[in-house]
Amino acid sequence: MILIGDLIRGHTEAIILSILDKEDSYGYKINRTIEEISQGELLLTEATMYSVFKRLEKNEYIQSYWQEGINHVNRKYYAITPQGRLYLNEHKHSWHKLSKILNEFLK
């Protein structure tokens, strides 16, 4: 049986960027959003999340900043950059093409 995690590999950057395209956010909230949208089928480990954040920052697709939250606790927030939006749009275009081809084989 193919696991969702195996299918999702290579798309985690786009998933996170799609969330940040709507609003800046922090790690825990991003992971909760992923869990909510996937109806509990997908939850990234903390290690996976932060390695993706590191790759996205290195490629200048996101930038981070600190913001004070509830009870004066600082949280590291992430924001998508213009390069990140370009990458996300390219990924969406490729995904639509690939999903159309796969649908032809798997229908």
PDB file of N, CA and C in Angstrom:
ATOM      1  N   MET A   1       0.842  -1.190   0.000  1.00  0.00           N
ATOM      2  CA  MET A   1       0.000   0.000   0.000  1.00  0.00           C
ATOM      3  C   MET A   1       0.886   1.253   0.000  1.00  0.00           C
ATOM      4  N   ILE A   2       0.564   2.194  -0.842  1.00  0.00           N
ATOM      5  CA  ILE A   2       1.307   3.448  -0.907  1.00  0.00           C
ATOM      6  C   ILE A   2       0.766   4.379   0.167  1.00  0.00           C
ATOM      7  N   LEU A   3       1.664   4.936   0.944  1.00  0.00           N
ATOM      8  CA  LEU A   3       1.276   5.837   2.019  1.00  0.00           C
ATOM      9  C   LEU A   3       1.201   7.265   1.508  1.00  0.00           C
ATOM     10  N   ILE A   4       0.328   8.044   2.101  1.00  0.00           N
ATOM     11  CA  ILE A   4       0.190   9.447   1.713  1.00  0.00           C
ATOM     12  C   ILE A   4       1.525  10.162   1.835  1.00  0.00           C
ATOM     13  N   GLY A   5       2.283   9.852   2.879  1.00  0.00           N
ATOM     14  CA  GLY A   5       3.583  10.484   3.068  1.00  0.00           C
ATOM     15  C   GLY A   5       4.516  10.261   1.898  1.00  0.00           C
ATOM     16  N   ASP A   6       4.463   9.061   1.308  1.00  0.00           N
ATOM     17  CA  ASP A   6       5.287   8.777   0.135  1.00  0.00           C
ATOM     18  C   ASP A   6       4.848   9.618  -1.062  1.00  0.00           C
ATOM     19  N   LEU A   7       3.556   9.809  -1.212  1.00  0.00           N
ATOM     20  CA  LEU A   7       3.032  10.586  -2.332  1.00  0.00           C
ATOM     21  C   LEU A   7       3.295  12.080  -2.160  1.00  0.00           C
ATOM     22  N   ILE A   8       3.342  12.533  -0.934  1.00  0.00           N
ATOM     23  CA  ILE A   8       3.451  13.961  -0.661  1.00  0.00           C
ATOM     24  C   ILE A   8       4.891  14.463  -0.727  1.00  0.00           C
ATOM     25  N   ARG A   9       5.849  13.534  -0.620  1.00  0.00           N
ATOM     26  CA  ARG A   9       7.260  13.918  -0.658  1.00  0.00           C
ATOM     27  C   ARG A   9       7.523  14.733  -1.919  1.00  0.00           C
ATOM     28  N   GLY A  10       8.208  15.840  -1.777  1.00  0.00           N
ATOM     29  CA  GLY A  10       8.456  16.719  -2.906  1.00  0.00           C
ATOM     30  C   GLY A  10       7.420  17.820  -3.049  1.00  0.00           C
ATOM     31  N   HIS A  11       6.358  17.745  -2.258  1.00  0.00           N
ATOM     32  CA  HIS A  11       5.308  18.760  -2.339  1.00  0.00           C
ATOM     33  C   HIS A  11       5.162  19.544  -1.032  1.00  0.00           C
ATOM     34  N   THR A  12       5.941  19.196  -0.021  1.00  0.00           N
ATOM     35  CA  THR A  12       5.787  19.872   1.273  1.00  0.00           C
ATOM     36  C   THR A  12       6.104  21.359   1.181  1.00  0.00           C
ATOM     37  N   GLU A  13       7.088  21.715   0.355  1.00  0.00           N
ATOM     38  CA  GLU A  13       7.397  23.132   0.195  1.00  0.00           C
ATOM     39  C   GLU A  13       6.186  23.882  -0.355  1.00  0.00           C
ATOM     40  N   ALA A  14       5.552  23.320  -1.370  1.00  0.00           N
ATOM     41  CA  ALA A  14       4.392  23.971  -1.975  1.00  0.00           C
ATOM     42  C   ALA A  14       3.217  24.037  -1.000  1.00  0.00           C
ATOM     43  N   ILE A  15       3.050  23.006  -0.191  1.00  0.00           N
ATOM     44  CA  ILE A  15       1.970  23.009   0.795  1.00  0.00           C
ATOM     45  C   ILE A  15       2.172  24.167   1.771  1.00  0.00           C
ATOM     46  N   ILE A  16       3.381  24.289   2.289  1.00  0.00           N
ATOM     47  CA  ILE A  16       3.672  25.361   3.252  1.00  0.00           C
ATOM     48  C   ILE A  16       3.562  26.726   2.585  1.00  0.00           C
ATOM     49  N   LEU A  17       4.092  26.861   1.376  1.00  0.00           N
ATOM     50  CA  LEU A  17       3.993  28.145   0.675  1.00  0.00           C
ATOM     51  C   LEU A  17       2.540  28.521   0.393  1.00  0.00           C
ATOM     52  N   SER A  18       1.700  27.533   0.103  1.00  0.00           N
ATOM     53  CA  SER A  18       0.287  27.846  -0.169  1.00  0.00           C
ATOM     54  C   SER A  18      -0.400  28.395   1.072  1.00  0.00           C
ATOM     55  N   ILE A  19       0.003  27.920   2.237  1.00  0.00           N
ATOM     56  CA  ILE A  19      -0.549  28.442   3.493  1.00  0.00           C
ATOM     57  C   ILE A  19      -0.040  29.859   3.729  1.00  0.00           C
ATOM     58  N   LEU A  20       1.263  30.064   3.518  1.00  0.00           N
ATOM     59  CA  LEU A  20       1.851  31.387   3.735  1.00  0.00           C
ATOM     60  C   LEU A  20       1.401  32.395   2.680  1.00  0.00           C
ATOM     61  N   ASP A  21       0.919  31.913   1.551  1.00  0.00           N
ATOM     62  CA  ASP A  21       0.408  32.812   0.523  1.00  0.00           C
ATOM     63  C   ASP A  21      -0.858  33.515   1.000  1.00  0.00           C
ATOM     64  N   LYS A  22      -1.547  32.907   1.956  1.00  0.00           N
ATOM     65  CA  LYS A  22      -2.769  33.496   2.513  1.00  0.00           C
ATOM     66  C   LYS A  22      -2.474  34.446   3.670  1.00  0.00           C
ATOM     67  N   GLU A  23      -1.491  34.075   4.513  1.00  0.00           N
ATOM     68  CA  GLU A  23      -1.118  34.924   5.643  1.00  0.00           C
ATOM     69  C   GLU A  23       0.189  34.428   6.250  1.00  0.00           C
ATOM     70  N   ASP A  24       0.918  35.338   6.890  1.00  0.00           N
ATOM     71  CA  ASP A  24       2.112  34.952   7.631  1.00  0.00           C
ATOM     72  C   ASP A  24       1.687  34.036   8.768  1.00  0.00           C
ATOM     73  N   SER A  25       2.559  33.113   9.140  1.00  0.00           N
ATOM     74  CA  SER A  25       2.193  32.187  10.204  1.00  0.00           C
ATOM     75  C   SER A  25       3.446  31.609  10.844  1.00  0.00           C
ATOM     76  N   TYR A  26       3.242  30.812  11.891  1.00  0.00           N
ATOM     77  CA  TYR A  26       4.343  30.167  12.607  1.00  0.00           C
ATOM     78  C   TYR A  26       4.170  28.656  12.527  1.00  0.00           C
ATOM     79  N   GLY A  27       5.237  27.938  12.844  1.00  0.00           N
ATOM     80  CA  GLY A  27       5.300  26.501  12.634  1.00  0.00           C
ATOM     81  C   GLY A  27       4.129  25.699  13.155  1.00  0.00           C
ATOM     82  N   TYR A  28       3.803  25.875  14.424  1.00  0.00           N
ATOM     83  CA  TYR A  28       2.731  25.087  15.027  1.00  0.00           C
ATOM     84  C   TYR A  28       1.399  25.332  14.307  1.00  0.00           C
ATOM     85  N   LYS A  29       1.102  26.586  14.028  1.00  0.00           N
ATOM     86  CA  LYS A  29      -0.163  26.925  13.366  1.00  0.00           C
ATOM     87  C   LYS A  29      -0.186  26.379  11.933  1.00  0.00           C
ATOM     88  N   ILE A  30       0.936  26.425  11.243  1.00  0.00           N
ATOM     89  CA  ILE A  30       1.018  25.875   9.889  1.00  0.00           C
ATOM     90  C   ILE A  30       0.712  24.382   9.926  1.00  0.00           C
ATOM     91  N   ASN A  31       1.303  23.675  10.881  1.00  0.00           N
ATOM     92  CA  ASN A  31       1.071  22.235  10.976  1.00  0.00           C
ATOM     93  C   ASN A  31      -0.383  21.932  11.329  1.00  0.00           C
ATOM     94  N   ARG A  32      -1.001  22.732  12.174  1.00  0.00           N
ATOM     95  CA  ARG A  32      -2.418  22.543  12.499  1.00  0.00           C
ATOM     96  C   ARG A  32      -3.282  22.780  11.261  1.00  0.00           C
ATOM     97  N   THR A  33      -2.919  23.762  10.456  1.00  0.00           N
ATOM     98  CA  THR A  33      -3.656  24.047   9.220  1.00  0.00           C
ATOM     99  C   THR A  33      -3.554  22.861   8.267  1.00  0.00           C
ATOM    100  N   ILE A  34      -2.358  22.297   8.139  1.00  0.00           N
ATOM    101  CA  ILE A  34      -2.163  21.126   7.283  1.00  0.00           C
ATOM    102  C   ILE A  34      -3.023  19.967   7.780  1.00  0.00           C
ATOM    103  N   GLU A  35      -3.007  19.745   9.085  1.00  0.00           N
ATOM    104  CA  GLU A  35      -3.804  18.662   9.664  1.00  0.00           C
ATOM    105  C   GLU A  35      -5.292  18.888   9.422  1.00  0.00           C
ATOM    106  N   GLU A  36      -5.734  20.124   9.599  1.00  0.00           N
ATOM    107  CA  GLU A  36      -7.149  20.462   9.428  1.00  0.00           C
ATOM    108  C   GLU A  36      -7.597  20.273   7.976  1.00  0.00           C
ATOM    109  N   ILE A  37      -6.837  20.826   7.046  1.00  0.00           N
ATOM    110  CA  ILE A  37      -7.203  20.736   5.632  1.00  0.00           C
ATOM    111  C   ILE A  37      -7.177  19.296   5.151  1.00  0.00           C
ATOM    112  N   SER A  38      -6.214  18.509   5.636  1.00  0.00           N
ATOM    113  CA  SER A  38      -6.098  17.105   5.218  1.00  0.00           C
ATOM    114  C   SER A  38      -7.008  16.185   6.028  1.00  0.00           C
ATOM    115  N   GLN A  39      -7.810  16.765   6.916  1.00  0.00           N
ATOM    116  CA  GLN A  39      -8.721  16.009   7.784  1.00  0.00           C
ATOM    117  C   GLN A  39      -7.968  14.938   8.569  1.00  0.00           C
ATOM    118  N   GLY A  40      -6.800  15.329   9.083  1.00  0.00           N
ATOM    119  CA  GLY A  40      -6.012  14.452   9.934  1.00  0.00           C
ATOM    120  C   GLY A  40      -5.172  13.429   9.199  1.00  0.00           C
ATOM    121  N   GLU A  41      -5.200  13.446   7.884  1.00  0.00           N
ATOM    122  CA  GLU A  41      -4.440  12.470   7.089  1.00  0.00           C
ATOM    123  C   GLU A  41      -2.965  12.830   6.981  1.00  0.00           C
ATOM    124  N   LEU A  42      -2.631  14.083   7.180  1.00  0.00           N
ATOM    125  CA  LEU A  42      -1.256  14.535   7.016  1.00  0.00           C
ATOM    126  C   LEU A  42      -0.864  15.409   8.198  1.00  0.00           C
ATOM    127  N   LEU A  43       0.221  15.038   8.833  1.00  0.00           N
ATOM    128  CA  LEU A  43       0.797  15.837   9.908  1.00  0.00           C
ATOM    129  C   LEU A  43       2.298  15.700   9.794  1.00  0.00           C
ATOM    130  N   LEU A  44       2.973  16.825   9.612  1.00  0.00           N
ATOM    131  CA  LEU A  44       4.417  16.795   9.455  1.00  0.00           C
ATOM    132  C   LEU A  44       5.092  16.786  10.814  1.00  0.00           C
ATOM    133  N   THR A  45       6.191  16.045  10.923  1.00  0.00           N
ATOM    134  CA  THR A  45       6.946  16.060  12.172  1.00  0.00           C
ATOM    135  C   THR A  45       7.623  17.415  12.314  1.00  0.00           C
ATOM    136  N   GLU A  46       7.992  17.730  13.530  1.00  0.00           N
ATOM    137  CA  GLU A  46       8.680  18.993  13.773  1.00  0.00           C
ATOM    138  C   GLU A  46       9.985  19.052  12.978  1.00  0.00           C
ATOM    139  N   ALA A  47      10.706  17.937  12.936  1.00  0.00           N
ATOM    140  CA  ALA A  47      11.966  17.889  12.190  1.00  0.00           C
ATOM    141  C   ALA A  47      11.738  18.153  10.705  1.00  0.00           C
ATOM    142  N   THR A  48      10.695  17.559  10.139  1.00  0.00           N
ATOM    143  CA  THR A  48      10.379  17.778   8.729  1.00  0.00           C
ATOM    144  C   THR A  48      10.011  19.235   8.485  1.00  0.00           C
ATOM    145  N   MET A  49       9.166  19.775   9.342  1.00  0.00           N
ATOM    146  CA  MET A  49       8.735  21.168   9.192  1.00  0.00           C
ATOM    147  C   MET A  49       9.933  22.103   9.157  1.00  0.00           C
ATOM    148  N   TYR A  50      10.807  21.959  10.121  1.00  0.00           N
ATOM    149  CA  TYR A  50      11.897  22.920  10.221  1.00  0.00           C
ATOM    150  C   TYR A  50      12.972  22.699   9.162  1.00  0.00           C
ATOM    151  N   SER A  51      13.123  21.486   8.652  1.00  0.00           N
ATOM    152  CA  SER A  51      14.047  21.292   7.528  1.00  0.00           C
ATOM    153  C   SER A  51      13.464  21.926   6.265  1.00  0.00           C
ATOM    154  N   VAL A  52      12.133  21.866   6.106  1.00  0.00           N
ATOM    155  CA  VAL A  52      11.490  22.535   4.969  1.00  0.00           C
ATOM    156  C   VAL A  52      11.635  24.047   5.109  1.00  0.00           C
ATOM    157  N   PHE A  53      11.397  24.583   6.309  1.00  0.00           N
ATOM    158  CA  PHE A  53      11.575  26.023   6.528  1.00  0.00           C
ATOM    159  C   PHE A  53      12.994  26.446   6.171  1.00  0.00           C
ATOM    160  N   LYS A  54      13.959  25.653   6.578  1.00  0.00           N
ATOM    161  CA  LYS A  54      15.365  25.977   6.319  1.00  0.00           C
ATOM    162  C   LYS A  54      15.639  26.011   4.807  1.00  0.00           C
ATOM    163  N   ARG A  55      15.126  25.011   4.070  1.00  0.00           N
ATOM    164  CA  ARG A  55      15.296  24.984   2.612  1.00  0.00           C
ATOM    165  C   ARG A  55      14.615  26.185   1.956  1.00  0.00           C
ATOM    166  N   LEU A  56      13.397  26.479   2.411  1.00  0.00           N
ATOM    167  CA  LEU A  56      12.658  27.601   1.834  1.00  0.00           C
ATOM    168  C   LEU A  56      13.377  28.930   2.085  1.00  0.00           C
ATOM    169  N   GLU A  57      13.938  29.102   3.281  1.00  0.00           N
ATOM    170  CA  GLU A  57      14.686  30.326   3.583  1.00  0.00           C
ATOM    171  C   GLU A  57      15.969  30.400   2.764  1.00  0.00           C
ATOM    172  N   LYS A  58      16.662  29.272   2.643  1.00  0.00           N
ATOM    173  CA  LYS A  58      17.904  29.233   1.869  1.00  0.00           C
ATOM    174  C   LYS A  58      17.650  29.628   0.414  1.00  0.00           C
ATOM    175  N   ASN A  59      16.517  29.175  -0.136  1.00  0.00           N
ATOM    176  CA  ASN A  59      16.160  29.495  -1.517  1.00  0.00           C
ATOM    177  C   ASN A  59      15.482  30.858  -1.657  1.00  0.00           C
ATOM    178  N   GLU A  60      15.336  31.553  -0.526  1.00  0.00           N
ATOM    179  CA  GLU A  60      14.719  32.877  -0.469  1.00  0.00           C
ATOM    180  C   GLU A  60      13.258  32.872  -0.904  1.00  0.00           C
ATOM    181  N   TYR A  61      12.563  31.756  -0.623  1.00  0.00           N
ATOM    182  CA  TYR A  61      11.132  31.645  -0.889  1.00  0.00           C
ATOM    183  C   TYR A  61      10.316  32.147   0.294  1.00  0.00           C
ATOM    184  N   ILE A  62      10.923  32.154   1.465  1.00  0.00           N
ATOM    185  CA  ILE A  62      10.278  32.702   2.661  1.00  0.00           C
ATOM    186  C   ILE A  62      11.311  33.523   3.430  1.00  0.00           C
ATOM    187  N   GLN A  63      10.802  34.351   4.318  1.00  0.00           N
ATOM    188  CA  GLN A  63      11.653  35.051   5.272  1.00  0.00           C
ATOM    189  C   GLN A  63      10.998  34.910   6.633  1.00  0.00           C
ATOM    190  N   SER A  64      11.813  34.963   7.669  1.00  0.00           N
ATOM    191  CA  SER A  64      11.279  34.797   9.019  1.00  0.00           C
ATOM    192  C   SER A  64      11.486  36.072   9.830  1.00  0.00           C
ATOM    193  N   TYR A  65      10.643  36.209  10.832  1.00  0.00           N
ATOM    194  CA  TYR A  65      10.765  37.319  11.765  1.00  0.00           C
ATOM    195  C   TYR A  65      10.131  36.908  13.087  1.00  0.00           C
ATOM    196  N   TRP A  66      10.533  37.577  14.136  1.00  0.00           N
ATOM    197  CA  TRP A  66       9.999  37.278  15.469  1.00  0.00           C
ATOM    198  C   TRP A  66       8.887  38.256  15.794  1.00  0.00           C
ATOM    199  N   GLN A  67       7.845  37.713  16.427  1.00  0.00           N
ATOM    200  CA  GLN A  67       6.723  38.553  16.840  1.00  0.00           C
ATOM    201  C   GLN A  67       6.260  38.103  18.216  1.00  0.00           C
ATOM    202  N   GLU A  68       5.949  39.071  19.045  1.00  0.00           N
ATOM    203  CA  GLU A  68       5.470  38.757  20.387  1.00  0.00           C
ATOM    204  C   GLU A  68       4.029  38.271  20.307  1.00  0.00           C
ATOM    205  N   GLY A  69       3.768  37.162  20.991  1.00  0.00           N
ATOM    206  CA  GLY A  69       2.434  36.595  21.004  1.00  0.00           C
ATOM    207  C   GLY A  69       1.792  36.717  22.366  1.00  0.00           C
ATOM    208  N   ILE A  70       0.886  35.796  22.649  1.00  0.00           N
ATOM    209  CA  ILE A  70       0.176  35.752  23.916  1.00  0.00           C
ATOM    210  C   ILE A  70       1.175  35.539  25.049  1.00  0.00           C
ATOM    211  N   ASN A  71       0.922  36.186  26.176  1.00  0.00           N
ATOM    212  CA  ASN A  71       1.773  36.078  27.367  1.00  0.00           C
ATOM    213  C   ASN A  71       3.205  36.500  27.096  1.00  0.00           C
ATOM    214  N   HIS A  72       3.392  37.408  26.163  1.00  0.00           N
ATOM    215  CA  HIS A  72       4.707  37.964  25.831  1.00  0.00           C
ATOM    216  C   HIS A  72       5.703  36.906  25.357  1.00  0.00           C
ATOM    217  N   VAL A  73       5.210  35.837  24.769  1.00  0.00           N
ATOM    218  CA  VAL A  73       6.062  34.787  24.227  1.00  0.00           C
ATOM    219  C   VAL A  73       6.344  35.110  22.760  1.00  0.00           C
ATOM    220  N   ASN A  74       7.622  35.154  22.400  1.00  0.00           N
ATOM    221  CA  ASN A  74       7.992  35.421  21.015  1.00  0.00           C
ATOM    222  C   ASN A  74       7.823  34.164  20.168  1.00  0.00           C
ATOM    223  N   ARG A  75       7.282  34.357  18.975  1.00  0.00           N
ATOM    224  CA  ARG A  75       7.129  33.268  18.017  1.00  0.00           C
ATOM    225  C   ARG A  75       7.832  33.657  16.729  1.00  0.00           C
ATOM    226  N   LYS A  76       8.422  32.646  16.095  1.00  0.00           N
ATOM    227  CA  LYS A  76       9.063  32.875  14.808  1.00  0.00           C
ATOM    228  C   LYS A  76       8.010  32.706  13.717  1.00  0.00           C
ATOM    229  N   TYR A  77       7.738  33.790  13.016  1.00  0.00           N
ATOM    230  CA  TYR A  77       6.767  33.791  11.935  1.00  0.00           C
ATOM    231  C   TYR A  77       7.496  33.682  10.598  1.00  0.00           C
ATOM    232  N   TYR A  78       6.762  33.167   9.623  1.00  0.00           N
ATOM    233  CA  TYR A  78       7.297  33.027   8.275  1.00  0.00           C
ATOM    234  C   TYR A  78       6.386  33.763   7.308  1.00  0.00           C
ATOM    235  N   ALA A  79       7.005  34.384   6.310  1.00  0.00           N
ATOM    236  CA  ALA A  79       6.269  35.119   5.273  1.00  0.00           C
ATOM    237  C   ALA A  79       6.805  34.702   3.916  1.00  0.00           C
ATOM    238  N   ILE A  80       5.918  34.556   2.956  1.00  0.00           N
ATOM    239  CA  ILE A  80       6.320  34.199   1.601  1.00  0.00           C
ATOM    240  C   ILE A  80       6.929  35.428   0.923  1.00  0.00           C
ATOM    241  N   THR A  81       7.920  35.213   0.094  1.00  0.00           N
ATOM    242  CA  THR A  81       8.567  36.289  -0.650  1.00  0.00           C
ATOM    243  C   THR A  81       8.050  36.281  -2.099  1.00  0.00           C
ATOM    244  N   PRO A  82       8.364  37.307  -2.870  1.00  0.00           N
ATOM    245  CA  PRO A  82       7.983  37.277  -4.289  1.00  0.00           C
ATOM    246  C   PRO A  82       8.550  36.054  -5.024  1.00  0.00           C
ATOM    247  N   GLN A  83       9.799  35.664  -4.701  1.00  0.00           N
ATOM    248  CA  GLN A  83      10.374  34.463  -5.314  1.00  0.00           C
ATOM    249  C   GLN A  83       9.592  33.223  -4.901  1.00  0.00           C
ATOM    250  N   GLY A  84       9.106  33.209  -3.662  1.00  0.00           N
ATOM    251  CA  GLY A  84       8.299  32.096  -3.176  1.00  0.00           C
ATOM    252  C   GLY A  84       6.976  31.992  -3.917  1.00  0.00           C
ATOM    253  N   ARG A  85       6.369  33.133  -4.188  1.00  0.00           N
ATOM    254  CA  ARG A  85       5.105  33.133  -4.943  1.00  0.00           C
ATOM    255  C   ARG A  85       5.323  32.628  -6.371  1.00  0.00           C
ATOM    256  N   LEU A  86       6.435  33.029  -6.966  1.00  0.00           N
ATOM    257  CA  LEU A  86       6.759  32.559  -8.311  1.00  0.00           C
ATOM    258  C   LEU A  86       6.943  31.038  -8.305  1.00  0.00           C
ATOM    259  N   TYR A  87       7.709  30.530  -7.331  1.00  0.00           N
ATOM    260  CA  TYR A  87       7.919  29.087  -7.209  1.00  0.00           C
ATOM    261  C   TYR A  87       6.588  28.361  -7.005  1.00  0.00           C
ATOM    262  N   LEU A  88       5.742  28.901  -6.133  1.00  0.00           N
ATOM    263  CA  LEU A  88       4.448  28.289  -5.857  1.00  0.00           C
ATOM    264  C   LEU A  88       3.598  28.227  -7.127  1.00  0.00           C
ATOM    265  N   ASN A  89       3.550  29.300  -7.879  1.00  0.00           N
ATOM    266  CA  ASN A  89       2.766  29.319  -9.117  1.00  0.00           C
ATOM    267  C   ASN A  89       3.303  28.320 -10.133  1.00  0.00           C
ATOM    268  N   GLU A  90       4.623  28.203 -10.234  1.00  0.00           N
ATOM    269  CA  GLU A  90       5.222  27.216 -11.137  1.00  0.00           C
ATOM    270  C   GLU A  90       4.880  25.797 -10.688  1.00  0.00           C
ATOM    271  N   HIS A  91       4.925  25.570  -9.376  1.00  0.00           N
ATOM    272  CA  HIS A  91       4.597  24.249  -8.830  1.00  0.00           C
ATOM    273  C   HIS A  91       3.131  23.908  -9.107  1.00  0.00           C
ATOM    274  N   LYS A  92       2.252  24.875  -8.928  1.00  0.00           N
ATOM    275  CA  LYS A  92       0.820  24.649  -9.204  1.00  0.00           C
ATOM    276  C   LYS A  92       0.602  24.271 -10.668  1.00  0.00           C
ATOM    277  N   HIS A  93       1.269  24.997 -11.557  1.00  0.00           N
ATOM    278  CA  HIS A  93       1.130  24.724 -12.987  1.00  0.00           C
ATOM    279  C   HIS A  93       1.615  23.299 -13.303  1.00  0.00           C
ATOM    280  N   SER A  94       2.771  22.934 -12.784  1.00  0.00           N
ATOM    281  CA  SER A  94       3.311  21.581 -13.004  1.00  0.00           C
ATOM    282  C   SER A  94       2.388  20.529 -12.418  1.00  0.00           C
ATOM    283  N   TRP A  95       1.848  20.804 -11.230  1.00  0.00           N
ATOM    284  CA  TRP A  95       0.952  19.844 -10.576  1.00  0.00           C
ATOM    285  C   TRP A  95      -0.306  19.615 -11.406  1.00  0.00           C
ATOM    286  N   HIS A  96      -0.882  20.681 -11.936  1.00  0.00           N
ATOM    287  CA  HIS A  96      -2.094  20.532 -12.752  1.00  0.00           C
ATOM    288  C   HIS A  96      -1.818  19.695 -14.000  1.00  0.00           C
ATOM    289  N   LYS A  97      -0.678  19.928 -14.619  1.00  0.00           N
ATOM    290  CA  LYS A  97      -0.315  19.137 -15.803  1.00  0.00           C
ATOM    291  C   LYS A  97      -0.123  17.667 -15.424  1.00  0.00           C
ATOM    292  N   LEU A  98       0.619  17.417 -14.336  1.00  0.00           N
ATOM    293  CA  LEU A  98       0.885  16.047 -13.912  1.00  0.00           C
ATOM    294  C   LEU A  98      -0.398  15.344 -13.486  1.00  0.00           C
ATOM    295  N   SER A  99      -1.255  16.019 -12.737  1.00  0.00           N
ATOM    296  CA  SER A  99      -2.482  15.374 -12.267  1.00  0.00           C
ATOM    297  C   SER A  99      -3.397  15.029 -13.445  1.00  0.00           C
ATOM    298  N   LYS A 100      -3.412  15.860 -14.476  1.00  0.00           N
ATOM    299  CA  LYS A 100      -4.204  15.562 -15.667  1.00  0.00           C
ATOM    300  C   LYS A 100      -3.678  14.289 -16.343  1.00  0.00           C
ATOM    301  N   ILE A 101      -2.367  14.168 -16.462  1.00  0.00           N
ATOM    302  CA  ILE A 101      -1.755  12.973 -17.066  1.00  0.00           C
ATOM    303  C   ILE A 101      -2.030  11.743 -16.206  1.00  0.00           C
ATOM    304  N   LEU A 102      -1.831  11.854 -14.897  1.00  0.00           N
ATOM    305  CA  LEU A 102      -2.070  10.709 -14.016  1.00  0.00           C
ATOM    306  C   LEU A 102      -3.534  10.278 -14.037  1.00  0.00           C
ATOM    307  N   ASN A 103      -4.437  11.240 -14.091  1.00  0.00           N
ATOM    308  CA  ASN A 103      -5.858  10.907 -14.177  1.00  0.00           C
ATOM    309  C   ASN A 103      -6.181  10.081 -15.416  1.00  0.00           C
ATOM    310  N   GLU A 104      -5.504  10.371 -16.491  1.00  0.00           N
ATOM    311  CA  GLU A 104      -5.711   9.590 -17.719  1.00  0.00           C
ATOM    312  C   GLU A 104      -5.283   8.144 -17.516  1.00  0.00           C
ATOM    313  N   PHE A 105      -4.193   7.922 -16.810  1.00  0.00           N
ATOM    314  CA  PHE A 105      -3.724   6.551 -16.567  1.00  0.00           C
ATOM    315  C   PHE A 105      -4.539   5.825 -15.510  1.00  0.00           C
ATOM    316  N   LEU A 106      -4.979   6.544 -14.498  1.00  0.00           N
ATOM    317  CA  LEU A 106      -5.564   5.898 -13.318  1.00  0.00           C
ATOM    318  C   LEU A 106      -7.076   5.961 -13.246  1.00  0.00           C
ATOM    319  N   LYS A 107      -7.730   6.461 -14.272  1.00  0.00           N
ATOM    320  CA  LYS A 107      -9.189   6.533 -14.216  1.00  0.00           C
ATOM    321  C   LYS A 107      -9.841   5.185 -14.447  1.00  0.00           C
TER     322      LYS A 107
END
